[in-house]
Amino acid sequence: MAAKAAHEIVPRQDLDFHLQSDDIPRFWYGNDPFKTRFFDAMSLLFPEGEKFFIQCVRDYRDRIDDPQLQAEVKDFTFQEAQHTRVHIEFNRRVERQGVDVSEVEAMQKKVLNWYRRYFPRKFTLAQTAAAEHMTALMAHFVLENSEMLAEADPRIRAIYFWHAIEEIEHKAVAYDVMQKVAKAGYFTRVAAMINLSLAFPFHVLMIMRHMLRVDGFSGRERRRIWLKGLWWLYGPRGIYARMMRHYISYYRPGYHPWDKGETRAFQRWREEYDRHDGDAVAASDSFLAAA
């Protein structure tokens, strides 16, 4: 695990995705309601979720005696705070469409506070490590299959490419705190992952159910949207099937997040970001064009 010292966490800030523009379509992902609302629903969960992750890692901050891990926790916290800021702005746009964002956020906060109140800190940290694995495997998938977002609005596509990069950069931080500092065992790690694997998709799909009703689709239209969309997600060549090997790796004894390293796609986006002087939208457009 010493090799992970080579993995750099970059604290990026003040990124502008131009979310105040009036020309972003309601169904920004190729005019597809299901795909759009799938990503929108995840965005609604990010701000409260990322606050939870920061709290759970900070529970052990005073017990960390490794300077490198201390620095990584600091950078992890910074990146998660930036994600929260951007997704709050994104979610305000969704709220203006009639989606009850405040209710979703309040319910999620209630659920996460319940975990904080009734479960050991070691378990909530394990939930955080599990969530970081889930976001990292989705991040790897999106970057390595960047053409899947070719039909997305460039500004929102840039948000998800940027978010994916930073999830990969800090994907091992919560895990290392869990193992090295909290000393959580295999059972705790696996139990937390099973819990998250059931709860996260359920909440995403319930939020999507609300969104598609707000969008004004009839019952027949919604059934057609769901059937097509669930095949895209869960079909034999769907997104989750293609991520399954990476997902299952978490259950292997001796697993570490950096068993899957920095891919060429990951490096290419960072190169484009530097080449475009920190313009994430321009970097993402160039990254996609070269894919």
C-alpha atoms as a PDB file:
ATOM      1  CA  MET A   1       0.000   0.000   0.000  1.00  0.00           C
ATOM      2  CA  ALA A   2       2.967   2.316   0.225  1.00  0.00           C
ATOM      3  CA  ALA A   3       2.669   2.916  -3.523  1.00  0.00           C
ATOM      4  CA  LYS A   4      -0.425   4.991  -3.016  1.00  0.00           C
ATOM      5  CA  ALA A   5       1.773   7.922  -1.977  1.00  0.00           C
ATOM      6  CA  ALA A   6       2.213   8.617  -5.696  1.00  0.00           C
ATOM      7  CA  HIS A   7      -1.494   9.383  -6.122  1.00  0.00           C
ATOM      8  CA  GLU A   8      -2.016  13.120  -6.020  1.00  0.00           C
ATOM      9  CA  ILE A   9      -5.140  14.818  -4.667  1.00  0.00           C
ATOM     10  CA  VAL A  10      -5.512  18.206  -6.352  1.00  0.00           C
ATOM     11  CA  PRO A  11      -7.505  20.887  -4.464  1.00  0.00           C
ATOM     12  CA  ARG A  12      -9.287  22.657  -7.343  1.00  0.00           C
ATOM     13  CA  GLN A  13     -11.535  25.609  -6.573  1.00  0.00           C
ATOM     14  CA  ASP A  14     -13.656  28.366  -8.133  1.00  0.00           C
ATOM     15  CA  LEU A  15     -14.658  26.248 -11.103  1.00  0.00           C
ATOM     16  CA  ASP A  16     -17.415  27.815 -13.200  1.00  0.00           C
ATOM     17  CA  PHE A  17     -19.785  25.479 -15.033  1.00  0.00           C
ATOM     18  CA  HIS A  18     -22.103  28.287 -16.205  1.00  0.00           C
ATOM     19  CA  LEU A  19     -25.139  26.717 -14.571  1.00  0.00           C
ATOM     20  CA  GLN A  20     -27.018  30.008 -14.561  1.00  0.00           C
ATOM     21  CA  SER A  21     -27.354  29.855 -18.350  1.00  0.00           C
ATOM     22  CA  ASP A  22     -30.961  29.742 -19.556  1.00  0.00           C
ATOM     23  CA  ASP A  23     -30.227  27.445 -22.484  1.00  0.00           C
ATOM     24  CA  ILE A  24     -29.499  24.253 -20.524  1.00  0.00           C
ATOM     25  CA  PRO A  25     -32.281  21.840 -21.580  1.00  0.00           C
ATOM     26  CA  ARG A  26     -34.572  20.319 -18.987  1.00  0.00           C
ATOM     27  CA  PHE A  27     -33.581  16.878 -20.304  1.00  0.00           C
ATOM     28  CA  TRP A  28     -29.935  17.717 -20.799  1.00  0.00           C
ATOM     29  CA  TYR A  29     -28.814  14.132 -21.525  1.00  0.00           C
ATOM     30  CA  GLY A  30     -29.750  13.638 -25.194  1.00  0.00           C
ATOM     31  CA  ASN A  31     -33.343  14.674 -24.461  1.00  0.00           C
ATOM     32  CA  ASP A  32     -33.699  11.392 -22.526  1.00  0.00           C
ATOM     33  CA  PRO A  33     -35.816  11.840 -19.366  1.00  0.00           C
ATOM     34  CA  PHE A  34     -34.588   8.674 -17.629  1.00  0.00           C
ATOM     35  CA  LYS A  35     -30.865   9.249 -18.150  1.00  0.00           C
ATOM     36  CA  THR A  36     -31.199  12.917 -17.228  1.00  0.00           C
ATOM     37  CA  ARG A  37     -33.175  12.252 -14.075  1.00  0.00           C
ATOM     38  CA  PHE A  38     -30.827   9.416 -13.052  1.00  0.00           C
ATOM     39  CA  PHE A  39     -27.910  11.846 -12.878  1.00  0.00           C
ATOM     40  CA  ASP A  40     -30.131  14.603 -11.445  1.00  0.00           C
ATOM     41  CA  ALA A  41     -31.308  12.302  -8.655  1.00  0.00           C
ATOM     42  CA  MET A  42     -27.736  11.432  -7.714  1.00  0.00           C
ATOM     43  CA  SER A  43     -26.897  15.130  -7.637  1.00  0.00           C
ATOM     44  CA  LEU A  44     -29.693  15.738  -5.131  1.00  0.00           C
ATOM     45  CA  LEU A  45     -28.084  13.182  -2.803  1.00  0.00           C
ATOM     46  CA  PHE A  46     -24.536  14.528  -3.082  1.00  0.00           C
ATOM     47  CA  PRO A  47     -24.546  17.631  -0.813  1.00  0.00           C
ATOM     48  CA  GLU A  48     -25.874  15.961   2.339  1.00  0.00           C
ATOM     49  CA  GLY A  49     -23.980  12.770   1.525  1.00  0.00           C
ATOM     50  CA  GLU A  50     -20.683  14.600   1.172  1.00  0.00           C
ATOM     51  CA  LYS A  51     -21.233  16.458   4.451  1.00  0.00           C
ATOM     52  CA  PHE A  52     -21.808  13.053   6.064  1.00  0.00           C
ATOM     53  CA  PHE A  53     -18.593  11.676   4.554  1.00  0.00           C
ATOM     54  CA  ILE A  54     -16.575  14.609   5.881  1.00  0.00           C
ATOM     55  CA  GLN A  55     -18.040  14.183   9.373  1.00  0.00           C
ATOM     56  CA  CYS A  56     -17.352  10.448   9.423  1.00  0.00           C
ATOM     57  CA  VAL A  57     -13.704  10.871   8.413  1.00  0.00           C
ATOM     58  CA  ARG A  58     -13.236  13.787  10.825  1.00  0.00           C
ATOM     59  CA  ASP A  59     -14.393  11.578  13.686  1.00  0.00           C
ATOM     60  CA  TYR A  60     -10.923   9.998  13.521  1.00  0.00           C
ATOM     61  CA  ARG A  61      -8.882  13.031  12.511  1.00  0.00           C
ATOM     62  CA  ASP A  62      -7.320  13.529  15.957  1.00  0.00           C
ATOM     63  CA  ARG A  63      -6.150   9.906  16.015  1.00  0.00           C
ATOM     64  CA  ILE A  64      -4.241  10.076  12.722  1.00  0.00           C
ATOM     65  CA  ASP A  65      -0.489  10.195  13.325  1.00  0.00           C
ATOM     66  CA  ASP A  66       0.634   9.649   9.717  1.00  0.00           C
ATOM     67  CA  PRO A  67       1.439  13.097   8.200  1.00  0.00           C
ATOM     68  CA  GLN A  68       0.667  11.867   4.690  1.00  0.00           C
ATOM     69  CA  LEU A  69      -2.756  10.556   5.702  1.00  0.00           C
ATOM     70  CA  GLN A  70      -3.436  13.798   7.590  1.00  0.00           C
ATOM     71  CA  ALA A  71      -2.698  15.771   4.419  1.00  0.00           C
ATOM     72  CA  GLU A  72      -4.889  13.441   2.362  1.00  0.00           C
ATOM     73  CA  VAL A  73      -7.789  13.902   4.795  1.00  0.00           C
ATOM     74  CA  LYS A  74      -7.420  17.669   4.463  1.00  0.00           C
ATOM     75  CA  ASP A  75      -7.473  17.484   0.653  1.00  0.00           C
ATOM     76  CA  PHE A  76     -10.352  14.980   0.722  1.00  0.00           C
ATOM     77  CA  THR A  77     -12.351  17.406   2.854  1.00  0.00           C
ATOM     78  CA  PHE A  78     -11.587  20.291   0.497  1.00  0.00           C
ATOM     79  CA  GLN A  79     -12.637  18.356  -2.588  1.00  0.00           C
ATOM     80  CA  GLU A  80     -15.856  17.107  -1.003  1.00  0.00           C
ATOM     81  CA  ALA A  81     -16.722  20.660   0.059  1.00  0.00           C
ATOM     82  CA  GLN A  82     -16.228  21.827  -3.532  1.00  0.00           C
ATOM     83  CA  HIS A  83     -18.493  19.040  -4.781  1.00  0.00           C
ATOM     84  CA  THR A  84     -21.137  20.145  -2.299  1.00  0.00           C
ATOM     85  CA  ARG A  85     -20.927  23.751  -3.525  1.00  0.00           C
ATOM     86  CA  VAL A  86     -21.291  22.852  -7.197  1.00  0.00           C
ATOM     87  CA  HIS A  87     -24.083  20.331  -6.680  1.00  0.00           C
ATOM     88  CA  ILE A  88     -26.051  22.753  -4.506  1.00  0.00           C
ATOM     89  CA  GLU A  89     -25.941  25.184  -7.429  1.00  0.00           C
ATOM     90  CA  PHE A  90     -26.926  22.368  -9.799  1.00  0.00           C
ATOM     91  CA  ASN A  91     -29.789  21.335  -7.514  1.00  0.00           C
ATOM     92  CA  ARG A  92     -31.182  24.868  -7.346  1.00  0.00           C
ATOM     93  CA  ARG A  93     -31.608  24.640 -11.113  1.00  0.00           C
ATOM     94  CA  VAL A  94     -33.542  21.372 -10.671  1.00  0.00           C
ATOM     95  CA  GLU A  95     -35.639  22.995  -7.956  1.00  0.00           C
ATOM     96  CA  ARG A  96     -36.709  25.736 -10.356  1.00  0.00           C
ATOM     97  CA  GLN A  97     -38.192  22.974 -12.518  1.00  0.00           C
ATOM     98  CA  GLY A  98     -40.664  22.136  -9.741  1.00  0.00           C
ATOM     99  CA  VAL A  99     -38.773  19.271  -8.086  1.00  0.00           C
ATOM    100  CA  ASP A 100     -39.093  19.310  -4.278  1.00  0.00           C
ATOM    101  CA  VAL A 101     -35.358  19.465  -3.642  1.00  0.00           C
ATOM    102  CA  SER A 102     -35.751  20.756  -0.069  1.00  0.00           C
ATOM    103  CA  GLU A 103     -37.901  17.774   0.895  1.00  0.00           C
ATOM    104  CA  VAL A 104     -35.409  15.317  -0.599  1.00  0.00           C
ATOM    105  CA  GLU A 105     -32.517  16.989   1.218  1.00  0.00           C
ATOM    106  CA  ALA A 106     -34.422  17.077   4.514  1.00  0.00           C
ATOM    107  CA  MET A 107     -35.310  13.385   4.274  1.00  0.00           C
ATOM    108  CA  GLN A 108     -31.744  12.404   3.439  1.00  0.00           C
ATOM    109  CA  LYS A 109     -30.394  14.491   6.313  1.00  0.00           C
ATOM    110  CA  LYS A 110     -32.836  12.756   8.657  1.00  0.00           C
ATOM    111  CA  VAL A 111     -31.700   9.316   7.489  1.00  0.00           C
ATOM    112  CA  LEU A 112     -27.993  10.147   7.770  1.00  0.00           C
ATOM    113  CA  ASN A 113     -28.463  11.691  11.219  1.00  0.00           C
ATOM    114  CA  TRP A 114     -30.206   8.484  12.250  1.00  0.00           C
ATOM    115  CA  TYR A 115     -27.126   6.482  11.258  1.00  0.00           C
ATOM    116  CA  ARG A 116     -24.908   8.929  13.130  1.00  0.00           C
ATOM    117  CA  ARG A 117     -27.080   8.622  16.228  1.00  0.00           C
ATOM    118  CA  TYR A 118     -27.625   4.864  16.427  1.00  0.00           C
ATOM    119  CA  PHE A 119     -24.600   3.268  14.771  1.00  0.00           C
ATOM    120  CA  PRO A 120     -20.967   3.154  15.915  1.00  0.00           C
ATOM    121  CA  ARG A 121     -18.592   5.678  14.380  1.00  0.00           C
ATOM    122  CA  LYS A 122     -16.608   2.779  12.960  1.00  0.00           C
ATOM    123  CA  PHE A 123     -19.658   1.650  10.971  1.00  0.00           C
ATOM    124  CA  THR A 124     -20.502   5.104   9.623  1.00  0.00           C
ATOM    125  CA  LEU A 125     -16.874   5.467   8.532  1.00  0.00           C
ATOM    126  CA  ALA A 126     -17.223   2.090   6.796  1.00  0.00           C
ATOM    127  CA  GLN A 127     -20.345   3.435   5.066  1.00  0.00           C
ATOM    128  CA  THR A 128     -18.253   6.350   3.860  1.00  0.00           C
ATOM    129  CA  ALA A 129     -15.540   4.029   2.532  1.00  0.00           C
ATOM    130  CA  ALA A 130     -18.222   1.972   0.776  1.00  0.00           C
ATOM    131  CA  ALA A 131     -19.752   5.097  -0.766  1.00  0.00           C
ATOM    132  CA  GLU A 132     -16.320   6.205  -1.962  1.00  0.00           C
ATOM    133  CA  HIS A 133     -15.894   2.822  -3.653  1.00  0.00           C
ATOM    134  CA  MET A 134     -19.285   3.206  -5.357  1.00  0.00           C
ATOM    135  CA  THR A 135     -18.525   6.708  -6.602  1.00  0.00           C
ATOM    136  CA  ALA A 136     -15.019   5.684  -7.690  1.00  0.00           C
ATOM    137  CA  LEU A 137     -16.219   2.720  -9.723  1.00  0.00           C
ATOM    138  CA  MET A 138     -18.816   4.945 -11.411  1.00  0.00           C
ATOM    139  CA  ALA A 139     -16.105   7.556 -11.971  1.00  0.00           C
ATOM    140  CA  HIS A 140     -13.776   5.045 -13.602  1.00  0.00           C
ATOM    141  CA  PHE A 141     -16.623   3.810 -15.788  1.00  0.00           C
ATOM    142  CA  VAL A 142     -17.674   7.285 -16.936  1.00  0.00           C
ATOM    143  CA  LEU A 143     -14.111   8.320 -17.806  1.00  0.00           C
ATOM    144  CA  GLU A 144     -13.259   5.074 -19.558  1.00  0.00           C
ATOM    145  CA  ASN A 145     -16.556   5.173 -21.484  1.00  0.00           C
ATOM    146  CA  SER A 146     -16.694   8.929 -22.005  1.00  0.00           C
ATOM    147  CA  GLU A 147     -18.690   8.524 -25.233  1.00  0.00           C
ATOM    148  CA  MET A 148     -21.707   7.690 -23.081  1.00  0.00           C
ATOM    149  CA  LEU A 149     -21.932  11.408 -22.243  1.00  0.00           C
ATOM    150  CA  ALA A 150     -21.444  12.609 -25.822  1.00  0.00           C
ATOM    151  CA  GLU A 151     -25.106  13.638 -26.030  1.00  0.00           C
ATOM    152  CA  ALA A 152     -25.058  15.446 -22.691  1.00  0.00           C
ATOM    153  CA  ASP A 153     -25.033  19.219 -22.329  1.00  0.00           C
ATOM    154  CA  PRO A 154     -21.342  20.261 -22.249  1.00  0.00           C
ATOM    155  CA  ARG A 155     -21.657  22.143 -18.955  1.00  0.00           C
ATOM    156  CA  ILE A 156     -23.257  19.310 -17.040  1.00  0.00           C
ATOM    157  CA  ARG A 157     -21.024  16.748 -18.725  1.00  0.00           C
ATOM    158  CA  ALA A 158     -18.064  18.767 -17.433  1.00  0.00           C
ATOM    159  CA  ILE A 159     -19.426  18.587 -13.872  1.00  0.00           C
ATOM    160  CA  TYR A 160     -19.540  14.814 -13.972  1.00  0.00           C
ATOM    161  CA  PHE A 161     -16.106  14.430 -15.598  1.00  0.00           C
ATOM    162  CA  TRP A 162     -14.566  16.780 -13.003  1.00  0.00           C
ATOM    163  CA  HIS A 163     -16.392  15.060 -10.148  1.00  0.00           C
ATOM    164  CA  ALA A 164     -15.227  11.680 -11.455  1.00  0.00           C
ATOM    165  CA  ILE A 165     -11.581  12.787 -11.527  1.00  0.00           C
ATOM    166  CA  GLU A 166     -11.656  13.971  -7.928  1.00  0.00           C
ATOM    167  CA  GLU A 167     -13.489  10.873  -6.703  1.00  0.00           C
ATOM    168  CA  ILE A 168     -10.664   8.791  -8.158  1.00  0.00           C
ATOM    169  CA  GLU A 169      -7.995  11.045  -6.664  1.00  0.00           C
ATOM    170  CA  HIS A 170      -9.299  10.657  -3.112  1.00  0.00           C
ATOM    171  CA  LYS A 171     -10.915   7.234  -3.391  1.00  0.00           C
ATOM    172  CA  ALA A 172      -8.616   5.589  -0.820  1.00  0.00           C
ATOM    173  CA  VAL A 173      -8.704   8.229   1.936  1.00  0.00           C
ATOM    174  CA  ALA A 174     -11.763   7.081   3.890  1.00  0.00           C
ATOM    175  CA  TYR A 175     -10.713   3.451   3.363  1.00  0.00           C
ATOM    176  CA  ASP A 176      -7.246   4.072   4.775  1.00  0.00           C
ATOM    177  CA  VAL A 177      -8.661   5.877   7.813  1.00  0.00           C
ATOM    178  CA  MET A 178     -11.108   3.006   8.308  1.00  0.00           C
ATOM    179  CA  GLN A 179      -8.401   0.349   8.206  1.00  0.00           C
ATOM    180  CA  LYS A 180      -5.345   2.084   9.652  1.00  0.00           C
ATOM    181  CA  VAL A 181      -6.955   4.296  12.296  1.00  0.00           C
ATOM    182  CA  ALA A 182     -10.441   2.947  13.102  1.00  0.00           C
ATOM    183  CA  LYS A 183      -9.198  -0.643  12.689  1.00  0.00           C
ATOM    184  CA  ALA A 184     -12.519  -1.746  11.193  1.00  0.00           C
ATOM    185  CA  GLY A 185     -12.620  -5.424  10.352  1.00  0.00           C
ATOM    186  CA  TYR A 186     -13.769  -7.299   7.277  1.00  0.00           C
ATOM    187  CA  PHE A 187     -17.311  -7.868   8.590  1.00  0.00           C
ATOM    188  CA  THR A 188     -17.849  -4.149   9.239  1.00  0.00           C
ATOM    189  CA  ARG A 189     -16.539  -3.256   5.795  1.00  0.00           C
ATOM    190  CA  VAL A 190     -18.782  -5.769   4.025  1.00  0.00           C
ATOM    191  CA  ALA A 191     -21.876  -5.042   6.129  1.00  0.00           C
ATOM    192  CA  ALA A 192     -21.589  -1.344   5.358  1.00  0.00           C
ATOM    193  CA  MET A 193     -21.230  -2.054   1.634  1.00  0.00           C
ATOM    194  CA  ILE A 194     -24.285  -4.316   1.574  1.00  0.00           C
ATOM    195  CA  ASN A 195     -26.272  -1.645   3.404  1.00  0.00           C
ATOM    196  CA  LEU A 196     -25.215   1.030   0.921  1.00  0.00           C
ATOM    197  CA  SER A 197     -25.749  -1.227  -2.102  1.00  0.00           C
ATOM    198  CA  LEU A 198     -29.409  -1.572  -1.160  1.00  0.00           C
ATOM    199  CA  ALA A 199     -30.109   1.928   0.144  1.00  0.00           C
ATOM    200  CA  PHE A 200     -28.423   4.057  -2.525  1.00  0.00           C
ATOM    201  CA  PRO A 201     -30.217   2.700  -5.639  1.00  0.00           C
ATOM    202  CA  PHE A 202     -33.525   2.695  -3.748  1.00  0.00           C
ATOM    203  CA  HIS A 203     -33.244   6.384  -2.891  1.00  0.00           C
ATOM    204  CA  VAL A 204     -32.097   7.329  -6.406  1.00  0.00           C
ATOM    205  CA  LEU A 205     -35.054   5.520  -7.995  1.00  0.00           C
ATOM    206  CA  MET A 206     -37.554   7.021  -5.544  1.00  0.00           C
ATOM    207  CA  ILE A 207     -36.280  10.523  -6.328  1.00  0.00           C
ATOM    208  CA  MET A 208     -36.534   9.762 -10.034  1.00  0.00           C
ATOM    209  CA  ARG A 209     -40.126   8.622  -9.513  1.00  0.00           C
ATOM    210  CA  HIS A 210     -40.950  12.036  -8.040  1.00  0.00           C
ATOM    211  CA  MET A 211     -39.069  13.861 -10.801  1.00  0.00           C
ATOM    212  CA  LEU A 212     -40.818  12.069 -13.660  1.00  0.00           C
ATOM    213  CA  ARG A 213     -44.199  12.888 -12.105  1.00  0.00           C
ATOM    214  CA  VAL A 214     -43.199  16.542 -11.828  1.00  0.00           C
ATOM    215  CA  ASP A 215     -42.155  16.423 -15.485  1.00  0.00           C
ATOM    216  CA  GLY A 216     -45.794  15.795 -16.357  1.00  0.00           C
ATOM    217  CA  PHE A 217     -45.527  12.414 -18.048  1.00  0.00           C
ATOM    218  CA  SER A 218     -48.657  10.278 -18.090  1.00  0.00           C
ATOM    219  CA  GLY A 219     -48.716   6.870 -16.405  1.00  0.00           C
ATOM    220  CA  ARG A 220     -48.255   5.138 -19.753  1.00  0.00           C
ATOM    221  CA  GLU A 221     -45.359   7.417 -20.698  1.00  0.00           C
ATOM    222  CA  ARG A 222     -43.668   6.832 -17.347  1.00  0.00           C
ATOM    223  CA  ARG A 223     -43.961   3.059 -17.723  1.00  0.00           C
ATOM    224  CA  ARG A 224     -42.281   3.252 -21.129  1.00  0.00           C
ATOM    225  CA  ILE A 225     -39.543   5.527 -19.736  1.00  0.00           C
ATOM    226  CA  TRP A 226     -38.916   3.169 -16.817  1.00  0.00           C
ATOM    227  CA  LEU A 227     -38.769   0.012 -18.941  1.00  0.00           C
ATOM    228  CA  LYS A 228     -36.277   1.496 -21.379  1.00  0.00           C
ATOM    229  CA  GLY A 229     -34.241   3.179 -18.649  1.00  0.00           C
ATOM    230  CA  LEU A 230     -34.006   0.182 -16.335  1.00  0.00           C
ATOM    231  CA  TRP A 231     -32.721  -1.892 -19.255  1.00  0.00           C
ATOM    232  CA  TRP A 232     -30.041   0.783 -19.810  1.00  0.00           C
ATOM    233  CA  LEU A 233     -29.090   0.484 -16.132  1.00  0.00           C
ATOM    234  CA  TYR A 234     -29.611  -3.191 -15.302  1.00  0.00           C
ATOM    235  CA  GLY A 235     -29.725  -5.043 -18.631  1.00  0.00           C
ATOM    236  CA  PRO A 236     -27.081  -7.651 -19.552  1.00  0.00           C
ATOM    237  CA  ARG A 237     -24.984  -4.912 -21.191  1.00  0.00           C
ATOM    238  CA  GLY A 238     -26.253  -2.192 -18.905  1.00  0.00           C
ATOM    239  CA  ILE A 239     -24.154   0.141 -16.797  1.00  0.00           C
ATOM    240  CA  TYR A 240     -24.319  -1.889 -13.588  1.00  0.00           C
ATOM    241  CA  ALA A 241     -23.510  -5.179 -15.318  1.00  0.00           C
ATOM    242  CA  ARG A 242     -20.406  -3.600 -16.837  1.00  0.00           C
ATOM    243  CA  MET A 243     -19.269  -2.247 -13.462  1.00  0.00           C
ATOM    244  CA  MET A 244     -19.949  -5.479 -11.556  1.00  0.00           C
ATOM    245  CA  ARG A 245     -16.398  -6.869 -11.552  1.00  0.00           C
ATOM    246  CA  HIS A 246     -15.037  -3.628 -10.091  1.00  0.00           C
ATOM    247  CA  TYR A 247     -17.874  -3.517  -7.543  1.00  0.00           C
ATOM    248  CA  ILE A 248     -17.353  -7.098  -6.358  1.00  0.00           C
ATOM    249  CA  SER A 249     -13.638  -6.522  -5.815  1.00  0.00           C
ATOM    250  CA  TYR A 250     -14.551  -4.652  -2.609  1.00  0.00           C
ATOM    251  CA  TYR A 251     -15.576  -7.953  -0.986  1.00  0.00           C
ATOM    252  CA  ARG A 252     -12.169  -9.530  -1.503  1.00  0.00           C
ATOM    253  CA  PRO A 253     -10.049  -9.884   1.658  1.00  0.00           C
ATOM    254  CA  GLY A 254      -6.958  -7.742   1.256  1.00  0.00           C
ATOM    255  CA  TYR A 255      -8.685  -5.369  -1.152  1.00  0.00           C
ATOM    256  CA  HIS A 256      -7.439  -1.787  -1.453  1.00  0.00           C
ATOM    257  CA  PRO A 257      -8.964   1.009  -3.623  1.00  0.00           C
ATOM    258  CA  TRP A 258      -5.691   1.531  -5.480  1.00  0.00           C
ATOM    259  CA  ASP A 259      -5.754  -2.056  -6.730  1.00  0.00           C
ATOM    260  CA  LYS A 260      -7.320  -0.308  -9.739  1.00  0.00           C
ATOM    261  CA  GLY A 261      -4.889   2.445 -10.584  1.00  0.00           C
ATOM    262  CA  GLU A 262      -4.920   5.701 -12.502  1.00  0.00           C
ATOM    263  CA  THR A 263      -6.100   4.903 -16.012  1.00  0.00           C
ATOM    264  CA  ARG A 264      -5.043   6.656 -19.207  1.00  0.00           C
ATOM    265  CA  ALA A 265      -8.446   8.350 -19.412  1.00  0.00           C
ATOM    266  CA  PHE A 266      -7.909   9.779 -15.930  1.00  0.00           C
ATOM    267  CA  GLN A 267      -4.537  11.178 -16.919  1.00  0.00           C
ATOM    268  CA  ARG A 268      -5.846  12.608 -20.208  1.00  0.00           C
ATOM    269  CA  TRP A 269      -8.564  14.686 -18.503  1.00  0.00           C
ATOM    270  CA  ARG A 270      -6.032  16.135 -16.066  1.00  0.00           C
ATOM    271  CA  GLU A 271      -3.722  16.991 -18.947  1.00  0.00           C
ATOM    272  CA  GLU A 272      -6.579  18.754 -20.761  1.00  0.00           C
ATOM    273  CA  TYR A 273      -7.516  20.619 -17.581  1.00  0.00           C
ATOM    274  CA  ASP A 274      -3.960  21.951 -17.247  1.00  0.00           C
ATOM    275  CA  ARG A 275      -3.798  22.764 -20.963  1.00  0.00           C
ATOM    276  CA  HIS A 276      -7.007  24.815 -20.716  1.00  0.00           C
ATOM    277  CA  ASP A 277      -5.811  26.705 -17.616  1.00  0.00           C
ATOM    278  CA  GLY A 278      -8.406  25.259 -15.266  1.00  0.00           C
ATOM    279  CA  ASP A 279     -11.439  25.610 -17.552  1.00  0.00           C
ATOM    280  CA  ALA A 280     -13.254  22.359 -16.757  1.00  0.00           C
ATOM    281  CA  VAL A 281     -15.839  22.774 -19.522  1.00  0.00           C
ATOM    282  CA  ALA A 282     -13.224  23.313 -22.259  1.00  0.00           C
ATOM    283  CA  ALA A 283     -11.078  20.522 -20.820  1.00  0.00           C
ATOM    284  CA  SER A 284     -14.008  18.104 -20.851  1.00  0.00           C
ATOM    285  CA  ASP A 285     -14.916  18.995 -24.437  1.00  0.00           C
ATOM    286  CA  SER A 286     -11.337  18.339 -25.571  1.00  0.00           C
ATOM    287  CA  PHE A 287     -11.166  15.148 -23.511  1.00  0.00           C
ATOM    288  CA  LEU A 288     -14.335  13.823 -25.153  1.00  0.00           C
ATOM    289  CA  ALA A 289     -13.247  14.845 -28.652  1.00  0.00           C
ATOM    290  CA  ALA A 290      -9.995  12.901 -28.292  1.00  0.00           C
ATOM    291  CA  ALA A 291     -11.652   9.786 -26.860  1.00  0.00           C
END
